[in-house]
C-alpha cells in the first residue's frame, strides 16, 4: 500500500506568532508540509505563482490590506485548485456564512483542539470540505458519489422547502418573518418548513442551513 502523498499548505495570517505556531502544528501532523507563508492576501496572491504547488491554503479572515474573505474569493475565481480554509477567532454565523459564500471549504476557530485541526485538513484534502462539530460545512466539488447523494437530498426537499432554503441564502439575510412575506405564507408555516428541514437533515442553525444549501448545490458560490 503506497503512502499518502505530501499535501502542501500555505498559511496566510498577519500575526507572526500565530503563523509560526501553525507552521509547527501543521508540519508535526505528518502528511502535510507548509511551503509558503504570507502576512496578508495581497502578498499571498503576489508570490503565489513563484512558489511550489499548493493544495490547501489556511487563510485568516481578519487581515489588513486584503482580508481573508477577499483572499478566499480571489482563490475561488483564479485558483480553484487550491482549497481554502477560513481561520478566525470569530465563530459567528455571519462570519461562517460570508466565508462559505466566498468559496471557503472549511471554517476553523483559532482555539480549536489539534485533533480537530487534523480532522479538518484531512477532510478538505480527501473530500473537498470540512464539516465542524457545530454542523458548519462548505461546498464540495461535484463527483459521482457526491452527485448521487445530491440527488437523494434534492428529492427529499419539496418545492416550497427549496424556496425557503434559497431565501435563507440571499445576501440581504432575511428574517424568517420577511421570508414568510416573500412566500406569501404565515410565519408559522415558515417555522414548519424550518423544523422539517432541520430535523430531516440534522441542521442545527441558520448558518448550518445556508451552508447546507451551498454544499448540495442548491445555491452556488457567486462568480465575480
Protein backbone atom coordinates (compact mmCIF):
# COMPACT_ATOMS: atom_id res chain seq x y z
CA UNK A 1 0.00 0.00 0.00
CA UNK A 2 1.50 3.33 -1.12
CA UNK A 3 1.88 6.21 1.30
CA UNK A 4 -0.36 9.28 1.11
CA UNK A 5 1.40 11.99 -0.94
CA UNK A 6 2.53 15.07 0.97
CA UNK A 7 -0.05 17.85 0.91
CA UNK A 8 1.46 21.32 0.50
CA UNK A 9 -0.06 24.03 2.68
CA UNK A 10 0.07 27.82 2.58
CA UNK A 11 -0.52 29.92 5.71
CA UNK A 12 -1.86 33.45 5.36
CA UNK A 13 -2.01 35.34 8.68
CA UNK A 14 -0.76 38.76 9.69
CA UNK A 15 0.21 37.67 13.22
CA UNK A 16 3.75 36.28 13.13
CA UNK A 17 3.45 34.30 16.39
CA UNK A 18 0.18 32.69 15.32
CA UNK A 19 1.62 31.84 11.93
CA UNK A 20 4.76 30.35 13.45
CA UNK A 21 2.69 28.22 15.80
CA UNK A 22 0.58 26.95 12.93
CA UNK A 23 3.66 26.08 10.89
CA UNK A 24 4.90 23.87 13.72
CA UNK A 25 1.48 22.31 14.21
CA UNK A 26 0.91 21.53 10.53
CA UNK A 27 4.39 20.14 9.96
CA UNK A 28 4.09 17.85 13.00
CA UNK A 29 0.86 16.28 11.76
CA UNK A 30 2.56 14.11 9.18
CA UNK A 31 1.48 14.16 5.56
CA UNK A 32 1.38 17.97 5.45
CA UNK A 33 4.12 20.48 4.72
CA UNK A 34 3.94 24.27 4.96
CA UNK A 35 5.62 25.55 1.80
CA UNK A 36 4.52 29.18 1.90
CA UNK A 37 3.73 31.92 4.40
CA UNK A 38 2.21 35.36 3.79
CA UNK A 39 1.19 38.27 6.02
CA UNK A 40 -1.91 39.24 4.04
CA UNK A 41 -3.90 38.36 0.96
CA UNK A 42 -2.14 40.80 -1.33
CA UNK A 43 1.28 39.36 -0.51
CA UNK A 44 -0.11 35.83 -0.88
CA UNK A 45 -1.60 36.43 -4.34
CA UNK A 46 1.54 38.26 -5.48
CA UNK A 47 4.00 35.49 -4.62
CA UNK A 48 1.69 32.56 -5.31
CA UNK A 49 2.98 31.96 -8.81
CA UNK A 50 6.61 31.65 -7.72
CA UNK A 51 6.07 29.03 -5.01
CA UNK A 52 5.66 25.23 -5.13
CA UNK A 53 2.31 23.65 -5.86
CA UNK A 54 -0.14 24.43 -3.07
CA UNK A 55 -3.08 22.17 -2.28
CA UNK A 56 -4.60 23.88 0.78
CA UNK A 57 -4.48 27.50 1.92
CA UNK A 58 -5.32 28.31 5.55
CA UNK A 59 -6.44 31.94 5.47
CA UNK A 60 -7.01 34.25 8.44
CA UNK A 61 -10.21 36.22 7.86
CA UNK A 62 -9.14 39.38 9.70
CA UNK A 63 -6.09 40.84 7.97
CA UNK A 64 -5.15 44.34 6.78
CA UNK A 65 -4.81 45.37 3.12
CA UNK A 66 -6.58 42.29 1.67
CA UNK A 67 -8.58 40.35 4.22
CA UNK A 68 -9.39 36.66 4.28
CA UNK A 69 -12.80 36.98 2.67
CA UNK A 70 -11.33 38.78 -0.34
CA UNK A 71 -8.42 36.34 -0.49
CA UNK A 72 -10.69 33.30 -0.47
CA UNK A 73 -12.89 34.87 -3.17
CA UNK A 74 -9.75 35.53 -5.26
CA UNK A 75 -8.71 31.90 -4.92
CA UNK A 76 -12.17 30.71 -5.90
CA UNK A 77 -12.06 32.80 -9.08
CA UNK A 78 -8.39 32.43 -10.04
CA UNK A 79 -7.01 29.30 -8.36
CA UNK A 80 -9.90 26.88 -7.72
CA UNK A 81 -7.33 24.08 -7.49
CA UNK A 82 -6.30 25.48 -4.09
CA UNK A 83 -8.77 24.58 -1.35
CA UNK A 84 -9.21 27.46 1.09
CA UNK A 85 -9.89 27.00 4.81
CA UNK A 86 -11.01 30.06 6.76
CA UNK A 87 -9.27 30.67 10.10
CA UNK A 88 -10.56 33.09 12.75
CA UNK A 89 -11.46 33.77 16.38
CA UNK A 90 -14.93 34.84 15.20
CA UNK A 91 -17.24 31.83 15.12
CA UNK A 92 -20.42 33.83 14.46
CA UNK A 93 -22.96 32.64 11.93
CA UNK A 94 -22.40 35.72 9.80
CA UNK A 95 -18.65 35.04 9.56
CA UNK A 96 -19.21 31.39 8.65
CA UNK A 97 -21.79 32.23 6.00
CA UNK A 98 -19.71 35.01 4.46
CA UNK A 99 -16.61 32.80 4.27
CA UNK A 100 -18.51 29.98 2.58
CA UNK A 101 -20.20 32.37 0.17
CA UNK A 102 -16.73 33.45 -0.90
CA UNK A 103 -15.60 29.87 -1.51
CA UNK A 104 -14.18 28.53 1.76
CA UNK A 105 -14.08 24.74 2.03
CA UNK A 106 -13.91 24.73 5.82
CA UNK A 107 -14.04 27.03 8.83
CA UNK A 108 -11.62 26.77 11.77
CA UNK A 109 -11.52 28.62 15.07
CA UNK A 110 -8.06 29.56 16.30
CA UNK A 111 -8.76 27.99 19.69
CA UNK A 112 -9.76 24.60 18.29
CA UNK A 113 -8.09 21.42 19.53
CA UNK A 114 -5.17 19.99 17.47
CA UNK A 115 -7.08 16.77 16.73
CA UNK A 116 -9.91 18.80 15.18
CA UNK A 117 -7.36 20.75 13.17
CA UNK A 118 -6.01 17.49 11.77
CA UNK A 119 -9.51 16.28 11.01
CA UNK A 120 -10.28 19.48 9.12
CA UNK A 121 -7.19 19.19 6.93
CA UNK A 122 -7.86 15.51 6.22
CA UNK A 123 -11.49 16.17 5.28
CA UNK A 124 -10.65 19.06 2.95
CA UNK A 125 -7.84 17.06 1.36
CA UNK A 126 -9.85 13.86 0.90
CA UNK A 127 -13.46 15.03 0.49
CA UNK A 128 -13.18 18.65 -0.58
CA UNK A 129 -14.87 20.10 2.51
CA UNK A 130 -14.83 20.07 6.30
CA UNK A 131 -17.92 19.89 8.49
CA UNK A 132 -17.23 21.03 12.04
CA UNK A 133 -18.75 19.64 15.20
CA UNK A 134 -21.11 22.64 15.11
CA UNK A 135 -22.61 21.43 11.86
CA UNK A 136 -20.89 24.03 9.70
CA UNK A 137 -19.65 22.83 6.37
CA UNK A 138 -18.60 24.11 3.00
CA UNK A 139 -19.04 23.45 -0.66
CA UNK A 140 -17.81 20.25 -2.30
CA UNK A 141 -16.68 19.51 -5.82
CA UNK A 142 -19.10 17.52 -7.98
CA UNK A 143 -18.01 13.86 -8.01
CA UNK A 144 -20.00 10.80 -8.94
CA UNK A 145 -20.70 9.69 -5.32
CA UNK A 146 -21.49 13.29 -4.42
CA UNK A 147 -23.89 13.66 -7.34
CA UNK A 148 -25.73 10.51 -6.28
CA UNK A 149 -26.11 11.80 -2.73
CA UNK A 150 -27.07 15.25 -4.02
CA UNK A 151 -29.91 13.71 -5.98
CA UNK A 152 -31.18 11.97 -2.84
CA UNK A 153 -31.02 15.22 -0.89
CA UNK A 154 -32.87 17.22 -3.54
CA UNK A 155 -35.50 14.52 -3.94
CA UNK A 156 -36.22 14.78 -0.20
CA UNK A 157 -36.96 18.53 -0.40
CA UNK A 158 -40.32 19.91 -1.54
CA UNK A 159 -40.58 22.88 -3.90
CA UNK A 160 -41.76 25.18 -1.10
CA UNK A 161 -38.95 23.98 1.18
CA UNK A 162 -36.50 24.63 -1.64
CA UNK A 163 -37.86 28.17 -1.99
CA UNK A 164 -37.44 28.67 1.76
CA UNK A 165 -33.83 27.43 1.66
CA UNK A 166 -32.94 29.76 -1.21
CA UNK A 167 -34.44 32.73 0.62
CA UNK A 168 -32.32 31.84 3.65
CA UNK A 169 -29.23 32.31 1.45
CA UNK A 170 -29.90 35.72 -0.11
CA UNK A 171 -27.30 38.41 0.74
CA UNK A 172 -29.93 40.53 2.50
CA UNK A 173 -30.03 37.89 5.28
CA UNK A 174 -33.80 37.94 5.65
CA UNK A 175 -35.50 37.12 8.92
CA UNK A 176 -37.97 34.24 8.98
CA UNK A 177 -40.80 36.81 9.12
CA UNK A 178 -39.50 38.50 5.95
CA UNK A 179 -39.24 35.11 4.24
CA UNK A 180 -42.88 34.46 5.11
CA UNK A 181 -43.86 37.75 3.47
CA UNK A 182 -41.91 36.91 0.31
CA UNK A 183 -43.51 33.47 0.10
CA UNK A 184 -46.99 34.85 0.95
CA UNK A 185 -47.43 32.39 3.79
CA UNK A 186 -47.82 32.61 7.55
CA UNK A 187 -44.75 32.76 9.83
CA UNK A 188 -46.00 29.53 11.41
CA UNK A 189 -45.71 27.81 8.02
CA UNK A 190 -42.14 29.09 7.65
CA UNK A 191 -41.39 27.66 11.08
CA UNK A 192 -42.86 24.33 9.97
CA UNK A 193 -40.62 24.31 6.87
CA UNK A 194 -37.61 25.18 9.02
CA UNK A 195 -38.33 22.44 11.55
CA UNK A 196 -38.91 19.77 8.91
CA UNK A 197 -35.65 20.59 7.12
CA UNK A 198 -33.62 20.86 10.32
CA UNK A 199 -34.97 17.55 11.63
CA UNK A 200 -34.63 15.73 8.29
CA UNK A 201 -31.00 16.71 7.68
CA UNK A 202 -29.67 17.26 11.21
CA UNK A 203 -29.20 21.01 10.74
CA UNK A 204 -28.73 22.97 13.97
CA UNK A 205 -28.70 26.65 12.99
CA UNK A 206 -29.49 29.16 10.25
CA UNK A 207 -25.80 29.17 9.34
CA UNK A 208 -25.96 25.40 9.02
CA UNK A 209 -28.97 25.76 6.72
CA UNK A 210 -27.19 28.25 4.47
CA UNK A 211 -24.06 26.14 4.23
CA UNK A 212 -26.15 23.01 3.63
CA UNK A 213 -27.53 24.82 0.57
CA UNK A 214 -24.03 25.58 -0.72
CA UNK A 215 -22.79 22.07 -0.07
CA UNK A 216 -25.54 20.41 -2.10
CA UNK A 217 -25.58 22.92 -4.95
CA UNK A 218 -28.94 24.49 -4.07
CA UNK A 219 -27.08 27.81 -4.11
CA UNK A 220 -23.81 28.42 -5.97
CA UNK A 221 -20.80 30.45 -4.83
CA UNK A 222 -21.02 33.75 -6.71
CA UNK A 223 -18.56 34.31 -9.55
CA UNK A 224 -17.36 37.94 -9.64
